[in-house]
């Protein structure tokens, strides 16, 4: 059975604070998984769901000054 958490915020600030706490507690693997799911949904909406999505490599290198 899947666990669902509901939170009713009284203000936008309270909602943002809850959201920040939730994702901080979820950890990096959960955040990465959520991002990957959103990428998949975005590609479906754009009609680009064929094959494995790839990163765009438009930056060759970065130098610090």
PDB file of N, CA and C in Angstrom:
ATOM      1  N   UNK A   1       0.842  -1.178   0.000  1.00  0.00           N
ATOM      2  CA  UNK A   1       0.000   0.000   0.000  1.00  0.00           C
ATOM      3  C   UNK A   1       0.888   1.243   0.000  1.00  0.00           C
ATOM      4  N   UNK A   2       0.528   2.218  -0.786  1.00  0.00           N
ATOM      5  CA  UNK A   2       1.307   3.438  -0.917  1.00  0.00           C
ATOM      6  C   UNK A   2       0.909   4.471   0.132  1.00  0.00           C
ATOM      7  N   UNK A   3       1.897   5.097   0.735  1.00  0.00           N
ATOM      8  CA  UNK A   3       1.661   6.097   1.762  1.00  0.00           C
ATOM      9  C   UNK A   3       1.591   7.480   1.117  1.00  0.00           C
ATOM     10  N   UNK A   4       0.555   8.231   1.432  1.00  0.00           N
ATOM     11  CA  UNK A   4       0.368   9.572   0.889  1.00  0.00           C
ATOM     12  C   UNK A   4       0.361  10.555   2.047  1.00  0.00           C
ATOM     13  N   UNK A   5       1.106  11.646   1.905  1.00  0.00           N
ATOM     14  CA  UNK A   5       1.177  12.657   2.947  1.00  0.00           C
ATOM     15  C   UNK A   5       0.468  13.914   2.448  1.00  0.00           C
ATOM     16  N   UNK A   6      -0.398  14.475   3.291  1.00  0.00           N
ATOM     17  CA  UNK A   6      -1.145  15.675   2.941  1.00  0.00           C
ATOM     18  C   UNK A   6      -0.794  16.762   3.943  1.00  0.00           C
ATOM     19  N   UNK A   7      -0.599  17.961   3.432  1.00  0.00           N
ATOM     20  CA  UNK A   7      -0.294  19.091   4.306  1.00  0.00           C
ATOM     21  C   UNK A   7      -1.109  20.287   3.839  1.00  0.00           C
ATOM     22  N   UNK A   8      -1.832  20.904   4.760  1.00  0.00           N
ATOM     23  CA  UNK A   8      -2.614  22.095   4.442  1.00  0.00           C
ATOM     24  C   UNK A   8      -1.869  23.303   5.000  1.00  0.00           C
ATOM     25  N   UNK A   9      -1.430  24.163   4.112  1.00  0.00           N
ATOM     26  CA  UNK A   9      -0.668  25.342   4.527  1.00  0.00           C
ATOM     27  C   UNK A   9      -1.610  26.535   4.662  1.00  0.00           C
ATOM     28  N   UNK A  10      -1.309  27.369   5.623  1.00  0.00           N
ATOM     29  CA  UNK A  10      -2.116  28.576   5.840  1.00  0.00           C
ATOM     30  C   UNK A  10      -1.599  29.767   5.040  1.00  0.00           C
ATOM     31  N   UNK A  11      -0.390  29.637   4.523  1.00  0.00           N
ATOM     32  CA  UNK A  11       0.185  30.733   3.731  1.00  0.00           C
ATOM     33  C   UNK A  11       1.154  30.157   2.710  1.00  0.00           C
ATOM     34  N   UNK A  12       1.519  30.985   1.749  1.00  0.00           N
ATOM     35  CA  UNK A  12       2.486  30.574   0.737  1.00  0.00           C
ATOM     36  C   UNK A  12       3.839  30.287   1.393  1.00  0.00           C
ATOM     37  N   UNK A  13       4.230  31.094   2.350  1.00  0.00           N
ATOM     38  CA  UNK A  13       5.504  30.904   3.051  1.00  0.00           C
ATOM     39  C   UNK A  13       5.537  29.566   3.783  1.00  0.00           C
ATOM     40  N   UNK A  14       4.431  29.222   4.433  1.00  0.00           N
ATOM     41  CA  UNK A  14       4.356  27.943   5.137  1.00  0.00           C
ATOM     42  C   UNK A  14       4.436  26.772   4.149  1.00  0.00           C
ATOM     43  N   UNK A  15       3.783  26.906   3.001  1.00  0.00           N
ATOM     44  CA  UNK A  15       3.828  25.855   1.985  1.00  0.00           C
ATOM     45  C   UNK A  15       5.250  25.676   1.448  1.00  0.00           C
ATOM     46  N   UNK A  16       5.933  26.773   1.201  1.00  0.00           N
ATOM     47  CA  UNK A  16       7.306  26.704   0.702  1.00  0.00           C
ATOM     48  C   UNK A  16       8.236  26.068   1.736  1.00  0.00           C
ATOM     49  N   UNK A  17       8.050  26.404   3.012  1.00  0.00           N
ATOM     50  CA  UNK A  17       8.876  25.828   4.078  1.00  0.00           C
ATOM     51  C   UNK A  17       8.639  24.317   4.171  1.00  0.00           C
ATOM     52  N   UNK A  18       7.376  23.899   4.084  1.00  0.00           N
ATOM     53  CA  UNK A  18       7.062  22.473   4.122  1.00  0.00           C
ATOM     54  C   UNK A  18       7.701  21.761   2.937  1.00  0.00           C
ATOM     55  N   UNK A  19       7.582  22.354   1.756  1.00  0.00           N
ATOM     56  CA  UNK A  19       8.148  21.762   0.550  1.00  0.00           C
ATOM     57  C   UNK A  19       9.660  21.599   0.678  1.00  0.00           C
ATOM     58  N   UNK A  20      10.339  22.610   1.183  1.00  0.00           N
ATOM     59  CA  UNK A  20      11.795  22.538   1.364  1.00  0.00           C
ATOM     60  C   UNK A  20      12.174  21.433   2.355  1.00  0.00           C
ATOM     61  N   UNK A  21      11.445  21.349   3.479  1.00  0.00           N
ATOM     62  CA  UNK A  21      11.717  20.300   4.471  1.00  0.00           C
ATOM     63  C   UNK A  21      11.478  18.910   3.883  1.00  0.00           C
ATOM     64  N   UNK A  22      10.384  18.769   3.148  1.00  0.00           N
ATOM     65  CA  UNK A  22      10.037  17.473   2.560  1.00  0.00           C
ATOM     66  C   UNK A  22      11.146  16.972   1.653  1.00  0.00           C
ATOM     67  N   UNK A  23      11.607  17.814   0.712  1.00  0.00           N
ATOM     68  CA  UNK A  23      12.622  17.372  -0.241  1.00  0.00           C
ATOM     69  C   UNK A  23      13.979  17.207   0.419  1.00  0.00           C
ATOM     70  N   UNK A  24      14.281  17.990   1.451  1.00  0.00           N
ATOM     71  CA  UNK A  24      15.542  17.819   2.176  1.00  0.00           C
ATOM     72  C   UNK A  24      15.556  16.471   2.881  1.00  0.00           C
ATOM     73  N   UNK A  25      14.442  16.099   3.492  1.00  0.00           N
ATOM     74  CA  UNK A  25      14.349  14.817   4.196  1.00  0.00           C
ATOM     75  C   UNK A  25      14.297  13.637   3.232  1.00  0.00           C
ATOM     76  N   UNK A  26      13.787  13.855   2.022  1.00  0.00           N
ATOM     77  CA  UNK A  26      13.648  12.770   1.048  1.00  0.00           C
ATOM     78  C   UNK A  26      15.009  12.244   0.607  1.00  0.00           C
ATOM     79  N   UNK A  27      16.007  13.111   0.555  1.00  0.00           N
ATOM     80  CA  UNK A  27      17.342  12.685   0.166  1.00  0.00           C
ATOM     81  C   UNK A  27      17.588  12.804  -1.328  1.00  0.00           C
ATOM     82  N   UNK A  28      18.856  12.737  -1.684  1.00  0.00           N
ATOM     83  CA  UNK A  28      19.273  12.925  -3.075  1.00  0.00           C
ATOM     84  C   UNK A  28      18.692  11.879  -4.030  1.00  0.00           C
ATOM     85  N   UNK A  29      18.684  10.589  -3.683  1.00  0.00           N
ATOM     86  CA  UNK A  29      18.127   9.605  -4.622  1.00  0.00           C
ATOM     87  C   UNK A  29      16.654   9.870  -4.960  1.00  0.00           C
ATOM     88  N   UNK A  30      15.864  10.271  -3.970  1.00  0.00           N
ATOM     89  CA  UNK A  30      14.445  10.561  -4.215  1.00  0.00           C
ATOM     90  C   UNK A  30      14.291  11.805  -5.085  1.00  0.00           C
ATOM     91  N   UNK A  31      15.112  12.823  -4.847  1.00  0.00           N
ATOM     92  CA  UNK A  31      15.056  14.039  -5.670  1.00  0.00           C
ATOM     93  C   UNK A  31      15.443  13.728  -7.105  1.00  0.00           C
ATOM     94  N   UNK A  32      16.485  12.942  -7.293  1.00  0.00           N
ATOM     95  CA  UNK A  32      16.916  12.580  -8.641  1.00  0.00           C
ATOM     96  C   UNK A  32      15.829  11.781  -9.359  1.00  0.00           C
ATOM     97  N   UNK A  33      15.207  10.860  -8.648  1.00  0.00           N
ATOM     98  CA  UNK A  33      14.127  10.072  -9.232  1.00  0.00           C
ATOM     99  C   UNK A  33      12.956  10.966  -9.651  1.00  0.00           C
ATOM    100  N   UNK A  34      12.601  11.927  -8.813  1.00  0.00           N
ATOM    101  CA  UNK A  34      11.504  12.853  -9.138  1.00  0.00           C
ATOM    102  C   UNK A  34      11.836  13.693 -10.359  1.00  0.00           C
ATOM    103  N   UNK A  35      13.064  14.157 -10.443  1.00  0.00           N
ATOM    104  CA  UNK A  35      13.487  14.954 -11.597  1.00  0.00           C
ATOM    105  C   UNK A  35      13.425  14.107 -12.860  1.00  0.00           C
ATOM    106  N   UNK A  36      13.882  12.864 -12.781  1.00  0.00           N
ATOM    107  CA  UNK A  36      13.883  11.989 -13.956  1.00  0.00           C
ATOM    108  C   UNK A  36      12.456  11.727 -14.436  1.00  0.00           C
ATOM    109  N   UNK A  37      11.521  11.553 -13.485  1.00  0.00           N
ATOM    110  CA  UNK A  37      10.116  11.373 -13.861  1.00  0.00           C
ATOM    111  C   UNK A  37       9.579  12.622 -14.563  1.00  0.00           C
ATOM    112  N   UNK A  38       9.949  13.815 -14.062  1.00  0.00           N
ATOM    113  CA  UNK A  38       9.498  15.056 -14.693  1.00  0.00           C
ATOM    114  C   UNK A  38      10.078  15.215 -16.090  1.00  0.00           C
ATOM    115  N   UNK A  39      11.320  14.811 -16.289  1.00  0.00           N
ATOM    116  CA  UNK A  39      11.931  14.861 -17.623  1.00  0.00           C
ATOM    117  C   UNK A  39      11.135  13.977 -18.577  1.00  0.00           C
ATOM    118  N   UNK A  40      10.787  12.784 -18.137  1.00  0.00           N
ATOM    119  CA  UNK A  40      10.003  11.876 -18.966  1.00  0.00           C
ATOM    120  C   UNK A  40       8.649  12.457 -19.336  1.00  0.00           C
ATOM    121  N   UNK A  41       7.971  13.072 -18.358  1.00  0.00           N
ATOM    122  CA  UNK A  41       6.674  13.698 -18.627  1.00  0.00           C
ATOM    123  C   UNK A  41       6.818  14.866 -19.601  1.00  0.00           C
ATOM    124  N   UNK A  42       7.848  15.662 -19.433  1.00  0.00           N
ATOM    125  CA  UNK A  42       8.103  16.793 -20.327  1.00  0.00           C
ATOM    126  C   UNK A  42       8.314  16.314 -21.761  1.00  0.00           C
ATOM    127  N   UNK A  43       9.120  15.262 -21.907  1.00  0.00           N
ATOM    128  CA  UNK A  43       9.391  14.737 -23.249  1.00  0.00           C
ATOM    129  C   UNK A  43       8.127  14.171 -23.896  1.00  0.00           C
ATOM    130  N   UNK A  44       7.276  13.530 -23.097  1.00  0.00           N
ATOM    131  CA  UNK A  44       6.007  13.030 -23.631  1.00  0.00           C
ATOM    132  C   UNK A  44       5.128  14.173 -24.104  1.00  0.00           C
ATOM    133  N   UNK A  45       5.064  15.246 -23.323  1.00  0.00           N
ATOM    134  CA  UNK A  45       4.259  16.405 -23.713  1.00  0.00           C
ATOM    135  C   UNK A  45       4.766  17.028 -25.006  1.00  0.00           C
ATOM    136  N   UNK A  46       6.071  16.993 -25.206  1.00  0.00           N
ATOM    137  CA  UNK A  46       6.685  17.551 -26.418  1.00  0.00           C
ATOM    138  C   UNK A  46       6.690  16.574 -27.585  1.00  0.00           C
ATOM    139  N   UNK A  47       6.212  15.353 -27.360  1.00  0.00           N
ATOM    140  CA  UNK A  47       6.183  14.350 -28.412  1.00  0.00           C
ATOM    141  C   UNK A  47       7.547  13.775 -28.730  1.00  0.00           C
ATOM    142  N   UNK A  48       8.465  13.817 -27.764  1.00  0.00           N
ATOM    143  CA  UNK A  48       9.824  13.323 -27.971  1.00  0.00           C
ATOM    144  C   UNK A  48      10.108  12.132 -27.070  1.00  0.00           C
ATOM    145  N   UNK A  49       9.194  11.186 -27.031  1.00  0.00           N
ATOM    146  CA  UNK A  49       9.351  10.067 -26.095  1.00  0.00           C
ATOM    147  C   UNK A  49      10.099   8.883 -26.688  1.00  0.00           C
ATOM    148  N   UNK A  50      10.709   9.040 -27.856  1.00  0.00           N
ATOM    149  CA  UNK A  50      11.405   7.907 -28.460  1.00  0.00           C
ATOM    150  C   UNK A  50      12.824   7.776 -27.918  1.00  0.00           C
ATOM    151  N   UNK A  51      13.156   6.592 -27.415  1.00  0.00           N
ATOM    152  CA  UNK A  51      14.510   6.334 -26.953  1.00  0.00           C
ATOM    153  C   UNK A  51      14.821   6.914 -25.581  1.00  0.00           C
ATOM    154  N   UNK A  52      16.056   6.747 -25.186  1.00  0.00           N
ATOM    155  CA  UNK A  52      16.551   7.213 -23.893  1.00  0.00           C
ATOM    156  C   UNK A  52      16.920   8.698 -23.971  1.00  0.00           C
ATOM    157  N   UNK A  53      16.406   9.530 -23.065  1.00  0.00           N
ATOM    158  CA  UNK A  53      16.797  10.943 -23.078  1.00  0.00           C
ATOM    159  C   UNK A  53      18.283  11.091 -22.747  1.00  0.00           C
ATOM    160  N   UNK A  54      18.900  12.094 -23.326  1.00  0.00           N
ATOM    161  CA  UNK A  54      20.326  12.303 -23.116  1.00  0.00           C
ATOM    162  C   UNK A  54      20.571  13.732 -22.645  1.00  0.00           C
ATOM    163  N   UNK A  55      21.692  13.923 -21.984  1.00  0.00           N
ATOM    164  CA  UNK A  55      22.071  15.257 -21.548  1.00  0.00           C
ATOM    165  C   UNK A  55      22.609  16.054 -22.725  1.00  0.00           C
ATOM    166  N   UNK A  56      22.307  17.337 -22.738  1.00  0.00           N
ATOM    167  CA  UNK A  56      22.874  18.215 -23.750  1.00  0.00           C
ATOM    168  C   UNK A  56      24.227  18.685 -23.247  1.00  0.00           C
ATOM    169  N   UNK A  57      25.226  18.522 -24.055  1.00  0.00           N
ATOM    170  CA  UNK A  57      26.584  18.899 -23.664  1.00  0.00           C
ATOM    171  C   UNK A  57      27.029  20.119 -24.453  1.00  0.00           C
ATOM    172  N   UNK A  58      26.482  21.272 -24.093  1.00  0.00           N
ATOM    173  CA  UNK A  58      26.809  22.484 -24.824  1.00  0.00           C
ATOM    174  C   UNK A  58      28.000  23.226 -24.212  1.00  0.00           C
ATOM    175  N   UNK A  59      28.409  22.843 -23.013  1.00  0.00           N
ATOM    176  CA  UNK A  59      29.558  23.478 -22.364  1.00  0.00           C
ATOM    177  C   UNK A  59      30.738  22.517 -22.451  1.00  0.00           C
ATOM    178  N   UNK A  60      31.827  23.005 -23.015  1.00  0.00           N
ATOM    179  CA  UNK A  60      33.018  22.163 -23.193  1.00  0.00           C
ATOM    180  C   UNK A  60      33.825  22.072 -21.900  1.00  0.00           C
ATOM    181  N   UNK A  61      34.146  23.228 -21.313  1.00  0.00           N
ATOM    182  CA  UNK A  61      34.890  23.241 -20.056  1.00  0.00           C
ATOM    183  C   UNK A  61      34.646  24.555 -19.327  1.00  0.00           C
ATOM    184  N   UNK A  62      34.936  24.549 -18.034  1.00  0.00           N
ATOM    185  CA  UNK A  62      34.771  25.720 -17.184  1.00  0.00           C
ATOM    186  C   UNK A  62      36.084  25.980 -16.483  1.00  0.00           C
ATOM    187  N   UNK A  63      36.524  27.232 -16.508  1.00  0.00           N
ATOM    188  CA  UNK A  63      37.777  27.608 -15.846  1.00  0.00           C
ATOM    189  C   UNK A  63      37.486  28.628 -14.759  1.00  0.00           C
ATOM    190  N   UNK A  64      38.124  28.440 -13.610  1.00  0.00           N
ATOM    191  CA  UNK A  64      38.017  29.424 -12.521  1.00  0.00           C
ATOM    192  C   UNK A  64      39.081  30.487 -12.687  1.00  0.00           C
ATOM    193  N   UNK A  65      38.723  31.683 -12.334  1.00  0.00           N
ATOM    194  CA  UNK A  65      39.707  32.776 -12.395  1.00  0.00           C
ATOM    195  C   UNK A  65      40.188  33.129 -11.021  1.00  0.00           C
TER     196      UNK A  65
END
